[in-house]
Amino acid sequence: FTVERLERVLKKIFIELKIEGIHAKTWIENIEKERI
């Protein structure tokens, strides 16, 4: 899901909704970028 896609799916069922992003320290995000 992108933010927009997730929001569209959830708004069909739940009126009250908030979406945030989960970040990590740079060294962790770099490991994940390398992995994927």
PDB file of all heavy atoms in Angstrom:
ATOM      1  N   PHE A   1       0.799  -1.214   0.000  1.00  0.00           N
ATOM      2  CA  PHE A   1       0.000   0.000   0.000  1.00  0.00           C
ATOM      3  C   PHE A   1       0.836   1.271   0.000  1.00  0.00           C
ATOM      4  O   PHE A   1       1.844   1.363   0.694  1.00  0.00           O
ATOM      5  CB  PHE A   1      -0.913   0.024   1.235  1.00  0.00           C
ATOM      6  CG  PHE A   1      -1.932  -1.070   1.259  1.00  0.00           C
ATOM      7  CD1 PHE A   1      -1.610  -2.316   1.761  1.00  0.00           C
ATOM      8  CD2 PHE A   1      -3.211  -0.858   0.776  1.00  0.00           C
ATOM      9  CE1 PHE A   1      -2.547  -3.338   1.785  1.00  0.00           C
ATOM     10  CE2 PHE A   1      -4.158  -1.869   0.797  1.00  0.00           C
ATOM     11  CZ  PHE A   1      -3.828  -3.120   1.305  1.00  0.00           C
ATOM     12  N   THR A   2       0.363   2.262  -0.767  1.00  0.00           N
ATOM     13  CA  THR A   2       0.804   3.637  -0.586  1.00  0.00           C
ATOM     14  C   THR A   2      -0.099   4.255   0.470  1.00  0.00           C
ATOM     15  O   THR A   2      -1.122   3.673   0.853  1.00  0.00           O
ATOM     16  CB  THR A   2       0.662   4.440  -1.887  1.00  0.00           C
ATOM     17  OG1 THR A   2      -0.734   4.464  -2.262  1.00  0.00           O
ATOM     18  CG2 THR A   2       1.483   3.831  -3.004  1.00  0.00           C
ATOM     19  N   VAL A   3       0.254   5.443   0.936  1.00  0.00           N
ATOM     20  CA  VAL A   3      -0.598   6.135   1.911  1.00  0.00           C
ATOM     21  C   VAL A   3      -1.992   6.339   1.326  1.00  0.00           C
ATOM     22  O   VAL A   3      -3.014   6.082   1.994  1.00  0.00           O
ATOM     23  CB  VAL A   3       0.011   7.509   2.290  1.00  0.00           C
ATOM     24  CG1 VAL A   3      -0.891   8.237   3.280  1.00  0.00           C
ATOM     25  CG2 VAL A   3       1.397   7.340   2.872  1.00  0.00           C
ATOM     26  N   GLU A   4      -2.035   6.796   0.079  1.00  0.00           N
ATOM     27  CA  GLU A   4      -3.320   7.116  -0.547  1.00  0.00           C
ATOM     28  C   GLU A   4      -4.192   5.865  -0.696  1.00  0.00           C
ATOM     29  O   GLU A   4      -5.398   5.903  -0.412  1.00  0.00           O
ATOM     30  CB  GLU A   4      -3.093   7.747  -1.927  1.00  0.00           C
ATOM     31  CG  GLU A   4      -2.404   9.100  -1.908  1.00  0.00           C
ATOM     32  CD  GLU A   4      -0.895   9.013  -1.689  1.00  0.00           C
ATOM     33  OE1 GLU A   4      -0.324   7.903  -1.817  1.00  0.00           O
ATOM     34  OE2 GLU A   4      -0.287  10.066  -1.382  1.00  0.00           O
ATOM     35  N   ARG A   5      -3.586   4.769  -1.112  1.00  0.00           N
ATOM     36  CA  ARG A   5      -4.341   3.528  -1.294  1.00  0.00           C
ATOM     37  C   ARG A   5      -4.854   3.000   0.042  1.00  0.00           C
ATOM     38  O   ARG A   5      -6.008   2.587   0.160  1.00  0.00           O
ATOM     39  CB  ARG A   5      -3.445   2.491  -1.978  1.00  0.00           C
ATOM     40  CG  ARG A   5      -4.003   1.078  -2.030  1.00  0.00           C
ATOM     41  CD  ARG A   5      -5.208   0.959  -2.907  1.00  0.00           C
ATOM     42  NE  ARG A   5      -5.684  -0.408  -2.950  1.00  0.00           N
ATOM     43  CZ  ARG A   5      -6.929  -0.764  -3.204  1.00  0.00           C
ATOM     44  NH1 ARG A   5      -7.853   0.162  -3.466  1.00  0.00           N
ATOM     45  NH2 ARG A   5      -7.285  -2.036  -3.230  1.00  0.00           N
ATOM     46  N   LEU A   6      -4.011   3.015   1.057  1.00  0.00           N
ATOM     47  CA  LEU A   6      -4.430   2.543   2.375  1.00  0.00           C
ATOM     48  C   LEU A   6      -5.561   3.401   2.917  1.00  0.00           C
ATOM     49  O   LEU A   6      -6.534   2.889   3.487  1.00  0.00           O
ATOM     50  CB  LEU A   6      -3.233   2.572   3.340  1.00  0.00           C
ATOM     51  CG  LEU A   6      -3.488   2.058   4.753  1.00  0.00           C
ATOM     52  CD1 LEU A   6      -3.935   0.600   4.734  1.00  0.00           C
ATOM     53  CD2 LEU A   6      -2.246   2.216   5.618  1.00  0.00           C
ATOM     54  N   GLU A   7      -5.457   4.705   2.737  1.00  0.00           N
ATOM     55  CA  GLU A   7      -6.494   5.613   3.211  1.00  0.00           C
ATOM     56  C   GLU A   7      -7.828   5.330   2.522  1.00  0.00           C
ATOM     57  O   GLU A   7      -8.878   5.289   3.172  1.00  0.00           O
ATOM     58  CB  GLU A   7      -6.064   7.056   2.968  1.00  0.00           C
ATOM     59  CG  GLU A   7      -6.998   8.093   3.579  1.00  0.00           C
ATOM     60  CD  GLU A   7      -6.446   9.502   3.420  1.00  0.00           C
ATOM     61  OE1 GLU A   7      -6.028   9.850   2.294  1.00  0.00           O
ATOM     62  OE2 GLU A   7      -6.442  10.244   4.413  1.00  0.00           O
ATOM     63  N   ARG A   8      -7.810   5.114   1.201  1.00  0.00           N
ATOM     64  CA  ARG A   8      -9.049   4.828   0.466  1.00  0.00           C
ATOM     65  C   ARG A   8      -9.712   3.553   0.979  1.00  0.00           C
ATOM     66  O   ARG A   8     -10.930   3.502   1.156  1.00  0.00           O
ATOM     67  CB  ARG A   8      -8.759   4.683  -1.037  1.00  0.00           C
ATOM     68  CG  ARG A   8      -8.564   5.991  -1.757  1.00  0.00           C
ATOM     69  CD  ARG A   8      -8.735   5.821  -3.265  1.00  0.00           C
ATOM     70  NE  ARG A   8      -7.832   4.843  -3.834  1.00  0.00           N
ATOM     71  CZ  ARG A   8      -6.599   5.121  -4.242  1.00  0.00           C
ATOM     72  NH1 ARG A   8      -6.109   6.347  -4.142  1.00  0.00           N
ATOM     73  NH2 ARG A   8      -5.842   4.177  -4.768  1.00  0.00           N
ATOM     74  N   VAL A   9      -8.905   2.514   1.205  1.00  0.00           N
ATOM     75  CA  VAL A   9      -9.441   1.236   1.671  1.00  0.00           C
ATOM     76  C   VAL A   9     -10.065   1.367   3.061  1.00  0.00           C
ATOM     77  O   VAL A   9     -11.177   0.893   3.309  1.00  0.00           O
ATOM     78  CB  VAL A   9      -8.332   0.163   1.677  1.00  0.00           C
ATOM     79  CG1 VAL A   9      -8.793  -1.097   2.416  1.00  0.00           C
ATOM     80  CG2 VAL A   9      -7.922  -0.186   0.255  1.00  0.00           C
ATOM     81  N   LEU A  10      -9.356   2.041   3.970  1.00  0.00           N
ATOM     82  CA  LEU A  10      -9.822   2.124   5.361  1.00  0.00           C
ATOM     83  C   LEU A  10     -11.007   3.072   5.525  1.00  0.00           C
ATOM     84  O   LEU A  10     -11.875   2.849   6.375  1.00  0.00           O
ATOM     85  CB  LEU A  10      -8.664   2.558   6.267  1.00  0.00           C
ATOM     86  CG  LEU A  10      -7.493   1.564   6.368  1.00  0.00           C
ATOM     87  CD1 LEU A  10      -6.378   2.140   7.229  1.00  0.00           C
ATOM     88  CD2 LEU A  10      -7.968   0.229   6.927  1.00  0.00           C
ATOM     89  N   LYS A  11     -11.059   4.130   4.698  1.00  0.00           N
ATOM     90  CA  LYS A  11     -12.154   5.096   4.821  1.00  0.00           C
ATOM     91  C   LYS A  11     -13.509   4.514   4.433  1.00  0.00           C
ATOM     92  O   LYS A  11     -14.543   5.069   4.784  1.00  0.00           O
ATOM     93  CB  LYS A  11     -11.848   6.334   3.975  1.00  0.00           C
ATOM     94  CG  LYS A  11     -11.015   7.373   4.704  1.00  0.00           C
ATOM     95  CD  LYS A  11     -10.923   8.663   3.920  1.00  0.00           C
ATOM     96  CE  LYS A  11     -10.256   9.752   4.761  1.00  0.00           C
ATOM     97  NZ  LYS A  11     -10.135  11.029   4.014  1.00  0.00           N
ATOM     98  N   LYS A  12     -13.486   3.407   3.704  1.00  0.00           N
ATOM     99  CA  LYS A  12     -14.749   2.743   3.372  1.00  0.00           C
ATOM    100  C   LYS A  12     -15.410   2.140   4.605  1.00  0.00           C
ATOM    101  O   LYS A  12     -16.619   1.932   4.631  1.00  0.00           O
ATOM    102  CB  LYS A  12     -14.501   1.637   2.337  1.00  0.00           C
ATOM    103  CG  LYS A  12     -14.045   2.132   0.980  1.00  0.00           C
ATOM    104  CD  LYS A  12     -13.763   0.957   0.054  1.00  0.00           C
ATOM    105  CE  LYS A  12     -13.249   1.416  -1.306  1.00  0.00           C
ATOM    106  NZ  LYS A  12     -12.921   0.263  -2.194  1.00  0.00           N
ATOM    107  N   ILE A  13     -14.601   1.865   5.622  1.00  0.00           N
ATOM    108  CA  ILE A  13     -15.090   1.159   6.809  1.00  0.00           C
ATOM    109  C   ILE A  13     -15.040   2.036   8.059  1.00  0.00           C
ATOM    110  O   ILE A  13     -15.939   1.992   8.894  1.00  0.00           O
ATOM    111  CB  ILE A  13     -14.259  -0.124   7.069  1.00  0.00           C
ATOM    112  CG1 ILE A  13     -14.089  -0.935   5.786  1.00  0.00           C
ATOM    113  CG2 ILE A  13     -14.883  -0.957   8.183  1.00  0.00           C
ATOM    114  CD1 ILE A  13     -15.372  -1.444   5.176  1.00  0.00           C
ATOM    115  N   PHE A  14     -14.001   2.850   8.190  1.00  0.00           N
ATOM    116  CA  PHE A  14     -13.794   3.656   9.398  1.00  0.00           C
ATOM    117  C   PHE A  14     -13.814   5.140   9.027  1.00  0.00           C
ATOM    118  O   PHE A  14     -13.075   5.580   8.153  1.00  0.00           O
ATOM    119  CB  PHE A  14     -12.455   3.313  10.058  1.00  0.00           C
ATOM    120  CG  PHE A  14     -12.350   1.880  10.503  1.00  0.00           C
ATOM    121  CD1 PHE A  14     -11.780   0.915   9.666  1.00  0.00           C
ATOM    122  CD2 PHE A  14     -12.823   1.484  11.743  1.00  0.00           C
ATOM    123  CE1 PHE A  14     -11.686  -0.407  10.063  1.00  0.00           C
ATOM    124  CE2 PHE A  14     -12.730   0.159  12.150  1.00  0.00           C
ATOM    125  CZ  PHE A  14     -12.163  -0.791  11.305  1.00  0.00           C
ATOM    126  N   ILE A  15     -14.647   5.895   9.732  1.00  0.00           N
ATOM    127  CA  ILE A  15     -14.762   7.330   9.444  1.00  0.00           C
ATOM    128  C   ILE A  15     -13.578   8.091  10.024  1.00  0.00           C
ATOM    129  O   ILE A  15     -13.010   8.979   9.385  1.00  0.00           O
ATOM    130  CB  ILE A  15     -16.084   7.884  10.010  1.00  0.00           C
ATOM    131  CG1 ILE A  15     -17.263   7.198   9.322  1.00  0.00           C
ATOM    132  CG2 ILE A  15     -16.161   9.402   9.837  1.00  0.00           C
ATOM    133  CD1 ILE A  15     -18.610   7.573   9.896  1.00  0.00           C
ATOM    134  N   GLU A  16     -13.185   7.726  11.242  1.00  0.00           N
ATOM    135  CA  GLU A  16     -12.081   8.423  11.924  1.00  0.00           C
ATOM    136  C   GLU A  16     -10.795   7.656  11.683  1.00  0.00           C
ATOM    137  O   GLU A  16     -10.677   6.472  12.034  1.00  0.00           O
ATOM    138  CB  GLU A  16     -12.378   8.533  13.416  1.00  0.00           C
ATOM    139  CG  GLU A  16     -11.554   9.596  14.109  1.00  0.00           C
ATOM    140  CD  GLU A  16     -12.041   9.891  15.516  1.00  0.00           C
ATOM    141  OE1 GLU A  16     -13.255   9.742  15.783  1.00  0.00           O
ATOM    142  OE2 GLU A  16     -11.202  10.246  16.366  1.00  0.00           O
ATOM    143  N   LEU A  17      -9.803   8.324  11.086  1.00  0.00           N
ATOM    144  CA  LEU A  17      -8.615   7.624  10.608  1.00  0.00           C
ATOM    145  C   LEU A  17      -7.405   8.557  10.599  1.00  0.00           C
ATOM    146  O   LEU A  17      -7.512   9.727  10.243  1.00  0.00           O
ATOM    147  CB  LEU A  17      -8.885   7.123   9.178  1.00  0.00           C
ATOM    148  CG  LEU A  17      -7.724   6.633   8.333  1.00  0.00           C
ATOM    149  CD1 LEU A  17      -7.147   5.351   8.912  1.00  0.00           C
ATOM    150  CD2 LEU A  17      -8.182   6.412   6.894  1.00  0.00           C
ATOM    151  N   LYS A  18      -6.264   8.015  11.021  1.00  0.00           N
ATOM    152  CA  LYS A  18      -5.001   8.753  10.943  1.00  0.00           C
ATOM    153  C   LYS A  18      -3.910   7.793  10.483  1.00  0.00           C
ATOM    154  O   LYS A  18      -3.832   6.664  10.966  1.00  0.00           O
ATOM    155  CB  LYS A  18      -4.643   9.359  12.306  1.00  0.00           C
ATOM    156  CG  LYS A  18      -3.322  10.134  12.290  1.00  0.00           C
ATOM    157  CD  LYS A  18      -3.115  10.937  13.573  1.00  0.00           C
ATOM    158  CE  LYS A  18      -2.841  10.065  14.757  1.00  0.00           C
ATOM    159  NZ  LYS A  18      -2.432  10.831  15.962  1.00  0.00           N
ATOM    160  N   ILE A  19      -3.068   8.248   9.543  1.00  0.00           N
ATOM    161  CA  ILE A  19      -1.965   7.423   9.053  1.00  0.00           C
ATOM    162  C   ILE A  19      -0.651   8.164   9.270  1.00  0.00           C
ATOM    163  O   ILE A  19      -0.528   9.344   8.923  1.00  0.00           O
ATOM    164  CB  ILE A  19      -2.129   7.083   7.561  1.00  0.00           C
ATOM    165  CG1 ILE A  19      -3.407   6.262   7.339  1.00  0.00           C
ATOM    166  CG2 ILE A  19      -0.915   6.298   7.051  1.00  0.00           C
ATOM    167  CD1 ILE A  19      -3.695   5.947   5.889  1.00  0.00           C
ATOM    168  N   GLU A  20       0.316   7.465   9.856  1.00  0.00           N
ATOM    169  CA  GLU A  20       1.651   8.015  10.052  1.00  0.00           C
ATOM    170  C   GLU A  20       2.677   7.050   9.455  1.00  0.00           C
ATOM    171  O   GLU A  20       2.340   5.925   9.069  1.00  0.00           O
ATOM    172  CB  GLU A  20       1.927   8.252  11.539  1.00  0.00           C
ATOM    173  CG  GLU A  20       0.977   9.278  12.160  1.00  0.00           C
ATOM    174  CD  GLU A  20       1.338   9.629  13.593  1.00  0.00           C
ATOM    175  OE1 GLU A  20       2.118   8.877  14.214  1.00  0.00           O
ATOM    176  OE2 GLU A  20       0.840  10.652  14.083  1.00  0.00           O
ATOM    177  N   GLY A  21       3.923   7.501   9.373  1.00  0.00           N
ATOM    178  CA  GLY A  21       4.982   6.665   8.833  1.00  0.00           C
ATOM    179  C   GLY A  21       5.918   6.183   9.925  1.00  0.00           C
ATOM    180  O   GLY A  21       6.241   6.931  10.853  1.00  0.00           O
ATOM    181  N   ILE A  22       6.339   4.927   9.831  1.00  0.00           N
ATOM    182  CA  ILE A  22       7.305   4.366  10.775  1.00  0.00           C
ATOM    183  C   ILE A  22       8.703   4.516  10.173  1.00  0.00           C
ATOM    184  O   ILE A  22       9.006   3.956   9.120  1.00  0.00           O
ATOM    185  CB  ILE A  22       7.022   2.885  11.071  1.00  0.00           C
ATOM    186  CG1 ILE A  22       5.625   2.725  11.686  1.00  0.00           C
ATOM    187  CG2 ILE A  22       8.091   2.305  12.000  1.00  0.00           C
ATOM    188  CD1 ILE A  22       5.220   1.285  11.914  1.00  0.00           C
ATOM    189  N   HIS A  23       9.537   5.302  10.857  1.00  0.00           N
ATOM    190  CA  HIS A  23      10.918   5.514  10.441  1.00  0.00           C
ATOM    191  C   HIS A  23      11.862   4.863  11.451  1.00  0.00           C
ATOM    192  O   HIS A  23      11.460   4.508  12.562  1.00  0.00           O
ATOM    193  CB  HIS A  23      11.233   7.002  10.359  1.00  0.00           C
ATOM    194  CG  HIS A  23      10.762   7.652   9.090  1.00  0.00           C
ATOM    195  ND1 HIS A  23      11.570   7.795   7.984  1.00  0.00           N
ATOM    196  CD2 HIS A  23       9.561   8.182   8.758  1.00  0.00           C
ATOM    197  CE1 HIS A  23      10.882   8.406   7.027  1.00  0.00           C
ATOM    198  NE2 HIS A  23       9.663   8.651   7.465  1.00  0.00           N
ATOM    199  N   ALA A  24      13.105   4.730  11.052  1.00  0.00           N
ATOM    200  CA  ALA A  24      14.138   4.213  11.946  1.00  0.00           C
ATOM    201  C   ALA A  24      15.390   5.063  11.772  1.00  0.00           C
ATOM    202  O   ALA A  24      15.474   5.895  10.859  1.00  0.00           O
ATOM    203  CB  ALA A  24      14.441   2.755  11.636  1.00  0.00           C
ATOM    204  N   LYS A  25      16.340   4.848  12.650  1.00  0.00           N
ATOM    205  CA  LYS A  25      17.615   5.544  12.497  1.00  0.00           C
ATOM    206  C   LYS A  25      18.226   5.197  11.138  1.00  0.00           C
ATOM    207  O   LYS A  25      17.971   4.132  10.581  1.00  0.00           O
ATOM    208  CB  LYS A  25      18.561   5.164  13.641  1.00  0.00           C
ATOM    209  CG  LYS A  25      18.140   5.787  14.969  1.00  0.00           C
ATOM    210  CD  LYS A  25      19.153   5.529  16.062  1.00  0.00           C
ATOM    211  CE  LYS A  25      18.761   6.243  17.360  1.00  0.00           C
ATOM    212  NZ  LYS A  25      19.709   5.967  18.460  1.00  0.00           N
ATOM    213  N   THR A  26      19.031   6.105  10.630  1.00  0.00           N
ATOM    214  CA  THR A  26      19.543   5.992   9.266  1.00  0.00           C
ATOM    215  C   THR A  26      20.220   4.654   9.003  1.00  0.00           C
ATOM    216  O   THR A  26      20.022   4.034   7.951  1.00  0.00           O
ATOM    217  CB  THR A  26      20.529   7.138   8.971  1.00  0.00           C
ATOM    218  OG1 THR A  26      19.859   8.387   9.174  1.00  0.00           O
ATOM    219  CG2 THR A  26      21.027   7.063   7.538  1.00  0.00           C
ATOM    220  N   TRP A  27      21.019   4.148   9.942  1.00  0.00           N
ATOM    221  CA  TRP A  27      21.748   2.900   9.699  1.00  0.00           C
ATOM    222  C   TRP A  27      20.797   1.726   9.524  1.00  0.00           C
ATOM    223  O   TRP A  27      21.070   0.809   8.743  1.00  0.00           O
ATOM    224  CB  TRP A  27      22.762   2.638  10.808  1.00  0.00           C
ATOM    225  CG  TRP A  27      22.203   2.294  12.155  1.00  0.00           C
ATOM    226  CD1 TRP A  27      21.872   3.154  13.143  1.00  0.00           C
ATOM    227  CD2 TRP A  27      21.930   0.982  12.672  1.00  0.00           C
ATOM    228  NE1 TRP A  27      21.400   2.483  14.252  1.00  0.00           N
ATOM    229  CE2 TRP A  27      21.432   1.141  13.984  1.00  0.00           C
ATOM    230  CE3 TRP A  27      22.057  -0.298  12.150  1.00  0.00           C
ATOM    231  CZ2 TRP A  27      21.049   0.064  14.776  1.00  0.00           C
ATOM    232  CZ3 TRP A  27      21.684  -1.383  12.942  1.00  0.00           C
ATOM    233  CH2 TRP A  27      21.193  -1.188  14.240  1.00  0.00           C
ATOM    234  N   ILE A  28      19.646   1.755  10.220  1.00  0.00           N
ATOM    235  CA  ILE A  28      18.664   0.680  10.073  1.00  0.00           C
ATOM    236  C   ILE A  28      17.957   0.793   8.725  1.00  0.00           C
ATOM    237  O   ILE A  28      17.773  -0.203   8.014  1.00  0.00           O
ATOM    238  CB  ILE A  28      17.642   0.719  11.223  1.00  0.00           C
ATOM    239  CG1 ILE A  28      18.342   0.447  12.560  1.00  0.00           C
ATOM    240  CG2 ILE A  28      16.523  -0.296  10.994  1.00  0.00           C
ATOM    241  CD1 ILE A  28      17.442   0.584  13.772  1.00  0.00           C
ATOM    242  N   GLU A  29      17.572   2.015   8.359  1.00  0.00           N
ATOM    243  CA  GLU A  29      16.897   2.210   7.072  1.00  0.00           C
ATOM    244  C   GLU A  29      17.818   1.849   5.910  1.00  0.00           C
ATOM    245  O   GLU A  29      17.370   1.307   4.895  1.00  0.00           O
ATOM    246  CB  GLU A  29      16.389   3.641   6.949  1.00  0.00           C
ATOM    247  CG  GLU A  29      15.255   3.947   7.919  1.00  0.00           C
ATOM    248  CD  GLU A  29      14.482   5.199   7.568  1.00  0.00           C
ATOM    249  OE1 GLU A  29      14.899   5.936   6.648  1.00  0.00           O
ATOM    250  OE2 GLU A  29      13.438   5.446   8.216  1.00  0.00           O
ATOM    251  N   ASN A  30      19.113   2.110   6.058  1.00  0.00           N
ATOM    252  CA  ASN A  30      20.057   1.741   4.998  1.00  0.00           C
ATOM    253  C   ASN A  30      20.159   0.225   4.839  1.00  0.00           C
ATOM    254  O   ASN A  30      20.279  -0.290   3.720  1.00  0.00           O
ATOM    255  CB  ASN A  30      21.437   2.336   5.286  1.00  0.00           C
ATOM    256  CG  ASN A  30      21.479   3.835   5.044  1.00  0.00           C
ATOM    257  OD1 ASN A  30      20.624   4.388   4.340  1.00  0.00           O
ATOM    258  ND2 ASN A  30      22.452   4.506   5.626  1.00  0.00           N
ATOM    259  N   ILE A  31      20.113  -0.504   5.955  1.00  0.00           N
ATOM    260  CA  ILE A  31      20.118  -1.972   5.891  1.00  0.00           C
ATOM    261  C   ILE A  31      18.882  -2.466   5.149  1.00  0.00           C
ATOM    262  O   ILE A  31      18.959  -3.347   4.290  1.00  0.00           O
ATOM    263  CB  ILE A  31      20.161  -2.578   7.314  1.00  0.00           C
ATOM    264  CG1 ILE A  31      21.520  -2.320   7.957  1.00  0.00           C
ATOM    265  CG2 ILE A  31      19.866  -4.078   7.271  1.00  0.00           C
ATOM    266  CD1 ILE A  31      21.568  -2.679   9.427  1.00  0.00           C
ATOM    267  N   GLU A  32      17.735  -1.872   5.463  1.00  0.00           N
ATOM    268  CA  GLU A  32      16.492  -2.292   4.812  1.00  0.00           C
ATOM    269  C   GLU A  32      16.502  -1.938   3.321  1.00  0.00           C
ATOM    270  O   GLU A  32      16.066  -2.736   2.485  1.00  0.00           O
ATOM    271  CB  GLU A  32      15.296  -1.635   5.513  1.00  0.00           C
ATOM    272  CG  GLU A  32      13.938  -2.018   4.968  1.00  0.00           C
ATOM    273  CD  GLU A  32      13.580  -3.484   5.132  1.00  0.00           C
ATOM    274  OE1 GLU A  32      14.406  -4.280   5.638  1.00  0.00           O
ATOM    275  OE2 GLU A  32      12.464  -3.855   4.729  1.00  0.00           O
ATOM    276  N   LYS A  33      17.019  -0.764   2.978  1.00  0.00           N
ATOM    277  CA  LYS A  33      17.112  -0.387   1.560  1.00  0.00           C
ATOM    278  C   LYS A  33      17.996  -1.366   0.790  1.00  0.00           C
ATOM    279  O   LYS A  33      17.680  -1.748  -0.341  1.00  0.00           O
ATOM    280  CB  LYS A  33      17.667   1.036   1.440  1.00  0.00           C
ATOM    281  CG  LYS A  33      16.667   2.115   1.810  1.00  0.00           C
ATOM    282  CD  LYS A  33      17.315   3.490   1.763  1.00  0.00           C
ATOM    283  CE  LYS A  33      16.335   4.570   2.201  1.00  0.00           C
ATOM    284  NZ  LYS A  33      16.976   5.909   2.259  1.00  0.00           N
ATOM    285  N   GLU A  34      19.094  -1.757   1.414  1.00  0.00           N
ATOM    286  CA  GLU A  34      19.996  -2.717   0.767  1.00  0.00           C
ATOM    287  C   GLU A  34      19.312  -4.069   0.587  1.00  0.00           C
ATOM    288  O   GLU A  34      19.455  -4.729  -0.445  1.00  0.00           O
ATOM    289  CB  GLU A  34      21.267  -2.878   1.597  1.00  0.00           C
ATOM    290  CG  GLU A  34      22.273  -3.841   0.991  1.00  0.00           C
ATOM    291  CD  GLU A  34      23.493  -4.038   1.879  1.00  0.00           C
ATOM    292  OE1 GLU A  34      23.675  -3.258   2.838  1.00  0.00           O
ATOM    293  OE2 GLU A  34      24.253  -4.972   1.618  1.00  0.00           O
ATOM    294  N   ARG A  35      18.541  -4.464   1.581  1.00  0.00           N
ATOM    295  CA  ARG A  35      17.873  -5.770   1.527  1.00  0.00           C
ATOM    296  C   ARG A  35      16.831  -5.837   0.416  1.00  0.00           C
ATOM    297  O   ARG A  35      16.683  -6.866  -0.254  1.00  0.00           O
ATOM    298  CB  ARG A  35      17.206  -6.057   2.878  1.00  0.00           C
ATOM    299  CG  ARG A  35      16.578  -7.436   2.992  1.00  0.00           C
ATOM    300  CD  ARG A  35      15.852  -7.605   4.305  1.00  0.00           C
ATOM    301  NE  ARG A  35      14.612  -6.857   4.342  1.00  0.00           N
ATOM    302  CZ  ARG A  35      13.438  -7.320   3.865  1.00  0.00           C
ATOM    303  NH1 ARG A  35      13.362  -8.515   3.318  1.00  0.00           N
ATOM    304  NH2 ARG A  35      12.339  -6.584   3.957  1.00  0.00           N
ATOM    305  N   ILE A  36      16.093  -4.755   0.224  1.00  0.00           N
ATOM    306  CA  ILE A  36      14.957  -4.789  -0.705  1.00  0.00           C
ATOM    307  C   ILE A  36      15.282  -4.246  -2.092  1.00  0.00           C
ATOM    308  O   ILE A  36      14.456  -4.342  -3.001  1.00  0.00           O
ATOM    309  CB  ILE A  36      13.759  -4.000  -0.130  1.00  0.00           C
ATOM    310  CG1 ILE A  36      14.110  -2.523   0.012  1.00  0.00           C
ATOM    311  CG2 ILE A  36      13.294  -4.608   1.195  1.00  0.00           C
ATOM    312  CD1 ILE A  36      12.978  -1.650   0.518  1.00  0.00           C
TER     313      ILE A  36
END
